[in-house]
Amino acid sequence: AQNHDKERLIRELEEARSQLDGRVEADGKVTVELHARVRSLEGQLEQRLREVMGQLVEAVQRNEGLSAENTRTADSLRLLTSDLEDERERRAEVQAELDRQTQR
């Protein structure tokens, strides 16, 4: 009877070990699949990050170009305004001279 109990315990232990080995193998496969998925997602993330950084660089360069263009436009406007004021003064002087000549 004792021998029978030992054999039964050994069989149960072997069965439990076999089940455990099966679970370990299945978990190992899942782990490998998860690692592959993580690597794939990391690759996609890196690619997307490169794309976004490229777009950011382009946007900054466009912004710098627009800022330079705005500066040139503002400078041109200042020059035109100055020229316009000079022209107004010249016309006022001419008009004043005409008025003086007309009054004589």
N, C-alpha and C. Protein backbone atom coordinates (compact mmCIF):
# COMPACT_ATOMS: atom_id res chain seq x y z
N ALA A 1 0.83 -1.20 0.00
CA ALA A 1 0.00 0.00 0.00
C ALA A 1 0.87 1.25 0.00
N GLN A 2 1.96 1.22 0.78
CA GLN A 2 2.85 2.37 0.83
C GLN A 2 3.51 2.57 -0.53
N ASN A 3 3.88 1.48 -1.14
CA ASN A 3 4.48 1.53 -2.47
C ASN A 3 3.51 2.13 -3.47
N HIS A 4 2.26 1.70 -3.34
CA HIS A 4 1.21 2.20 -4.23
C HIS A 4 1.05 3.71 -4.08
N ASP A 5 1.07 4.21 -2.84
CA ASP A 5 0.96 5.65 -2.58
C ASP A 5 2.15 6.41 -3.16
N LYS A 6 3.34 5.81 -3.03
CA LYS A 6 4.53 6.46 -3.57
C LYS A 6 4.42 6.58 -5.09
N GLU A 7 4.00 5.46 -5.73
CA GLU A 7 3.86 5.47 -7.19
C GLU A 7 2.83 6.51 -7.63
N ARG A 8 1.71 6.58 -6.90
CA ARG A 8 0.66 7.55 -7.22
C ARG A 8 1.21 8.97 -7.09
N LEU A 9 1.95 9.24 -6.02
CA LEU A 9 2.53 10.57 -5.81
C LEU A 9 3.53 10.91 -6.91
N ILE A 10 4.34 9.91 -7.29
CA ILE A 10 5.32 10.13 -8.36
C ILE A 10 4.59 10.47 -9.66
N ARG A 11 3.52 9.69 -9.98
CA ARG A 11 2.74 9.97 -11.20
C ARG A 11 2.14 11.38 -11.15
N GLU A 12 1.58 11.75 -9.99
CA GLU A 12 0.99 13.09 -9.85
C GLU A 12 2.05 14.18 -10.02
N LEU A 13 3.23 13.94 -9.43
CA LEU A 13 4.33 14.91 -9.57
C LEU A 13 4.77 15.03 -11.03
N GLU A 14 4.89 13.86 -11.71
CA GLU A 14 5.29 13.89 -13.12
C GLU A 14 4.24 14.60 -13.98
N GLU A 15 2.97 14.36 -13.68
CA GLU A 15 1.89 15.01 -14.41
C GLU A 15 1.91 16.52 -14.17
N ALA A 16 2.11 16.92 -12.91
CA ALA A 16 2.17 18.35 -12.57
C ALA A 16 3.36 19.00 -13.26
N ARG A 17 4.49 18.28 -13.26
CA ARG A 17 5.69 18.82 -13.91
C ARG A 17 5.46 18.98 -15.41
N SER A 18 4.81 18.01 -16.02
CA SER A 18 4.51 18.05 -17.45
C SER A 18 3.60 19.25 -17.77
N GLN A 19 2.58 19.44 -16.92
CA GLN A 19 1.69 20.59 -17.11
C GLN A 19 2.47 21.90 -16.97
N LEU A 20 3.33 21.95 -15.97
CA LEU A 20 4.13 23.15 -15.73
C LEU A 20 5.06 23.43 -16.91
N ASP A 21 5.69 22.36 -17.43
CA ASP A 21 6.56 22.51 -18.60
C ASP A 21 5.77 23.05 -19.79
N GLY A 22 4.56 22.55 -19.97
CA GLY A 22 3.69 23.03 -21.06
C GLY A 22 3.36 24.50 -20.89
N ARG A 23 3.06 24.88 -19.67
CA ARG A 23 2.74 26.29 -19.41
C ARG A 23 3.96 27.18 -19.64
N VAL A 24 5.12 26.71 -19.19
CA VAL A 24 6.36 27.48 -19.38
C VAL A 24 6.61 27.67 -20.87
N GLU A 25 6.43 26.58 -21.63
CA GLU A 25 6.64 26.67 -23.09
C GLU A 25 5.65 27.65 -23.72
N ALA A 26 4.38 27.57 -23.32
CA ALA A 26 3.36 28.48 -23.86
C ALA A 26 3.68 29.93 -23.46
N ASP A 27 4.07 30.12 -22.20
CA ASP A 27 4.42 31.47 -21.74
C ASP A 27 5.63 32.00 -22.51
N GLY A 28 6.58 31.10 -22.79
CA GLY A 28 7.76 31.49 -23.56
C GLY A 28 7.38 31.98 -24.94
N LYS A 29 6.45 31.27 -25.59
CA LYS A 29 5.99 31.69 -26.92
C LYS A 29 5.31 33.05 -26.85
N VAL A 30 4.47 33.23 -25.84
CA VAL A 30 3.78 34.52 -25.67
C VAL A 30 4.81 35.62 -25.44
N THR A 31 5.81 35.33 -24.63
CA THR A 31 6.86 36.32 -24.35
C THR A 31 7.58 36.71 -25.63
N VAL A 32 7.93 35.71 -26.45
CA VAL A 32 8.62 35.99 -27.71
C VAL A 32 7.73 36.85 -28.61
N GLU A 33 6.43 36.50 -28.69
CA GLU A 33 5.50 37.27 -29.51
C GLU A 33 5.38 38.70 -29.00
N LEU A 34 5.31 38.85 -27.68
CA LEU A 34 5.20 40.20 -27.10
C LEU A 34 6.46 41.02 -27.37
N HIS A 35 7.62 40.39 -27.25
CA HIS A 35 8.87 41.10 -27.54
C HIS A 35 8.90 41.56 -29.00
N ALA A 36 8.47 40.68 -29.91
CA ALA A 36 8.44 41.04 -31.33
C ALA A 36 7.48 42.20 -31.56
N ARG A 37 6.34 42.16 -30.91
CA ARG A 37 5.34 43.24 -31.06
C ARG A 37 5.90 44.56 -30.52
N VAL A 38 6.57 44.49 -29.37
CA VAL A 38 7.18 45.70 -28.79
C VAL A 38 8.22 46.28 -29.73
N ARG A 39 9.07 45.42 -30.30
CA ARG A 39 10.09 45.90 -31.25
C ARG A 39 9.43 46.55 -32.46
N SER A 40 8.37 45.94 -32.95
CA SER A 40 7.65 46.50 -34.10
C SER A 40 7.07 47.88 -33.76
N LEU A 41 6.45 47.98 -32.60
CA LEU A 41 5.86 49.26 -32.19
C LEU A 41 6.94 50.31 -31.96
N GLU A 42 8.08 49.89 -31.40
CA GLU A 42 9.19 50.84 -31.22
C GLU A 42 9.67 51.36 -32.56
N GLY A 43 9.78 50.46 -33.55
CA GLY A 43 10.19 50.87 -34.89
C GLY A 43 9.22 51.85 -35.51
N GLN A 44 7.92 51.56 -35.36
CA GLN A 44 6.89 52.46 -35.89
C GLN A 44 6.97 53.82 -35.19
N LEU A 45 7.17 53.79 -33.89
CA LEU A 45 7.26 55.02 -33.12
C LEU A 45 8.46 55.85 -33.54
N GLU A 46 9.61 55.19 -33.72
CA GLU A 46 10.81 55.90 -34.17
C GLU A 46 10.59 56.53 -35.54
N GLN A 47 9.96 55.78 -36.45
CA GLN A 47 9.69 56.30 -37.80
C GLN A 47 8.78 57.52 -37.72
N ARG A 48 7.73 57.41 -36.93
CA ARG A 48 6.77 58.52 -36.80
C ARG A 48 7.45 59.73 -36.17
N LEU A 49 8.32 59.48 -35.19
CA LEU A 49 9.05 60.57 -34.53
C LEU A 49 9.95 61.28 -35.53
N ARG A 50 10.63 60.49 -36.39
CA ARG A 50 11.48 61.10 -37.43
C ARG A 50 10.64 61.97 -38.36
N GLU A 51 9.46 61.47 -38.75
CA GLU A 51 8.58 62.23 -39.65
C GLU A 51 8.14 63.54 -38.99
N VAL A 52 7.72 63.45 -37.74
CA VAL A 52 7.24 64.64 -37.03
C VAL A 52 8.38 65.65 -36.84
N MET A 53 9.57 65.15 -36.51
CA MET A 53 10.71 66.06 -36.35
C MET A 53 11.04 66.74 -37.67
N GLY A 54 10.95 65.99 -38.77
CA GLY A 54 11.17 66.58 -40.09
C GLY A 54 10.16 67.68 -40.39
N GLN A 55 8.89 67.41 -40.06
CA GLN A 55 7.84 68.41 -40.27
C GLN A 55 8.09 69.64 -39.39
N LEU A 56 8.56 69.40 -38.18
CA LEU A 56 8.85 70.51 -37.27
C LEU A 56 9.98 71.38 -37.81
N VAL A 57 11.02 70.74 -38.32
CA VAL A 57 12.14 71.48 -38.90
C VAL A 57 11.65 72.32 -40.08
N GLU A 58 10.82 71.71 -40.95
CA GLU A 58 10.28 72.45 -42.10
C GLU A 58 9.45 73.64 -41.63
N ALA A 59 8.62 73.44 -40.60
CA ALA A 59 7.77 74.52 -40.10
C ALA A 59 8.62 75.66 -39.53
N VAL A 60 9.67 75.30 -38.79
CA VAL A 60 10.56 76.33 -38.22
C VAL A 60 11.24 77.10 -39.35
N GLN A 61 11.70 76.39 -40.38
CA GLN A 61 12.36 77.06 -41.50
C GLN A 61 11.39 77.98 -42.23
N ARG A 62 10.14 77.50 -42.43
CA ARG A 62 9.12 78.34 -43.08
C ARG A 62 8.85 79.58 -42.23
N ASN A 63 8.76 79.38 -40.92
CA ASN A 63 8.50 80.49 -40.01
C ASN A 63 9.63 81.51 -40.07
N GLU A 64 10.88 81.01 -40.10
CA GLU A 64 12.02 81.92 -40.19
C GLU A 64 11.97 82.70 -41.50
N GLY A 65 11.59 82.01 -42.59
CA GLY A 65 11.46 82.67 -43.88
C GLY A 65 10.38 83.74 -43.86
N LEU A 66 9.25 83.40 -43.23
CA LEU A 66 8.16 84.37 -43.14
C LEU A 66 8.56 85.56 -42.27
N SER A 67 9.29 85.29 -41.19
CA SER A 67 9.75 86.38 -40.32
C SER A 67 10.66 87.31 -41.08
N ALA A 68 11.57 86.74 -41.88
CA ALA A 68 12.48 87.57 -42.68
C ALA A 68 11.68 88.38 -43.70
N GLU A 69 10.69 87.74 -44.31
CA GLU A 69 9.85 88.43 -45.29
C GLU A 69 9.06 89.56 -44.61
N ASN A 70 8.55 89.29 -43.42
CA ASN A 70 7.82 90.33 -42.68
C ASN A 70 8.73 91.51 -42.36
N THR A 71 9.97 91.22 -41.99
CA THR A 71 10.93 92.28 -41.69
C THR A 71 11.19 93.12 -42.94
N ARG A 72 11.39 92.45 -44.07
CA ARG A 72 11.62 93.18 -45.33
C ARG A 72 10.41 94.03 -45.69
N THR A 73 9.21 93.47 -45.52
CA THR A 73 7.99 94.21 -45.83
C THR A 73 7.85 95.42 -44.91
N ALA A 74 8.12 95.25 -43.63
CA ALA A 74 8.03 96.37 -42.68
C ALA A 74 9.05 97.45 -43.04
N ASP A 75 10.26 97.05 -43.42
CA ASP A 75 11.27 98.03 -43.83
C ASP A 75 10.81 98.79 -45.07
N SER A 76 10.27 98.07 -46.04
CA SER A 76 9.77 98.72 -47.26
C SER A 76 8.64 99.69 -46.93
N LEU A 77 7.77 99.28 -46.02
CA LEU A 77 6.66 100.15 -45.63
C LEU A 77 7.17 101.42 -44.96
N ARG A 78 8.17 101.29 -44.11
CA ARG A 78 8.75 102.47 -43.46
C ARG A 78 9.34 103.42 -44.51
N LEU A 79 10.05 102.85 -45.48
CA LEU A 79 10.63 103.69 -46.54
C LEU A 79 9.53 104.39 -47.34
N LEU A 80 8.50 103.65 -47.70
CA LEU A 80 7.39 104.25 -48.46
C LEU A 80 6.70 105.33 -47.66
N THR A 81 6.49 105.08 -46.37
CA THR A 81 5.85 106.08 -45.50
C THR A 81 6.71 107.33 -45.42
N SER A 82 8.01 107.14 -45.28
CA SER A 82 8.93 108.28 -45.22
C SER A 82 8.90 109.05 -46.53
N ASP A 83 8.93 108.34 -47.65
CA ASP A 83 8.85 108.99 -48.97
C ASP A 83 7.54 109.75 -49.11
N LEU A 84 6.46 109.15 -48.63
CA LEU A 84 5.15 109.80 -48.72
C LEU A 84 5.12 111.08 -47.89
N GLU A 85 5.69 111.03 -46.68
CA GLU A 85 5.74 112.23 -45.84
C GLU A 85 6.59 113.31 -46.50
N ASP A 86 7.72 112.92 -47.09
CA ASP A 86 8.57 113.88 -47.81
C ASP A 86 7.78 114.52 -48.96
N GLU A 87 7.05 113.69 -49.68
CA GLU A 87 6.26 114.20 -50.82
C GLU A 87 5.17 115.15 -50.33
N ARG A 88 4.52 114.84 -49.21
CA ARG A 88 3.49 115.73 -48.65
C ARG A 88 4.10 117.08 -48.28
N GLU A 89 5.26 117.03 -47.64
CA GLU A 89 5.94 118.29 -47.26
C GLU A 89 6.28 119.10 -48.50
N ARG A 90 6.80 118.43 -49.53
CA ARG A 90 7.16 119.13 -50.77
C ARG A 90 5.93 119.76 -51.40
N ARG A 91 4.83 119.03 -51.44
CA ARG A 91 3.60 119.56 -52.03
C ARG A 91 3.06 120.73 -51.20
N ALA A 92 3.17 120.61 -49.88
CA ALA A 92 2.70 121.72 -49.02
C ALA A 92 3.53 122.97 -49.29
N GLU A 93 4.85 122.78 -49.47
CA GLU A 93 5.71 123.93 -49.77
C GLU A 93 5.35 124.53 -51.12
N VAL A 94 5.12 123.67 -52.11
CA VAL A 94 4.73 124.16 -53.44
C VAL A 94 3.40 124.90 -53.36
N GLN A 95 2.46 124.32 -52.61
CA GLN A 95 1.15 124.96 -52.47
C GLN A 95 1.27 126.30 -51.76
N ALA A 96 2.11 126.35 -50.75
CA ALA A 96 2.32 127.61 -50.02
C ALA A 96 2.92 128.65 -50.95
N GLU A 97 3.87 128.24 -51.77
CA GLU A 97 4.50 129.16 -52.73
C GLU A 97 3.46 129.64 -53.75
N LEU A 98 2.62 128.71 -54.22
CA LEU A 98 1.56 129.10 -55.17
C LEU A 98 0.59 130.08 -54.52
N ASP A 99 0.25 129.80 -53.26
CA ASP A 99 -0.67 130.70 -52.55
C ASP A 99 -0.05 132.09 -52.42
N ARG A 100 1.24 132.18 -52.10
CA ARG A 100 1.92 133.48 -51.97
C ARG A 100 1.91 134.22 -53.31
N GLN A 101 2.20 133.47 -54.38
CA GLN A 101 2.23 134.11 -55.70
C GLN A 101 0.84 134.56 -56.12
N THR A 102 -0.17 133.78 -55.74
CA THR A 102 -1.54 134.13 -56.10
C THR A 102 -1.98 135.38 -55.35
N GLN A 103 -1.53 135.57 -54.13
CA GLN A 103 -1.94 136.71 -53.32
C GLN A 103 -1.29 137.99 -53.80
N ARG A 104 -0.24 137.94 -54.56
CA ARG A 104 0.47 139.14 -55.02
C ARG A 104 -0.24 139.82 -56.12
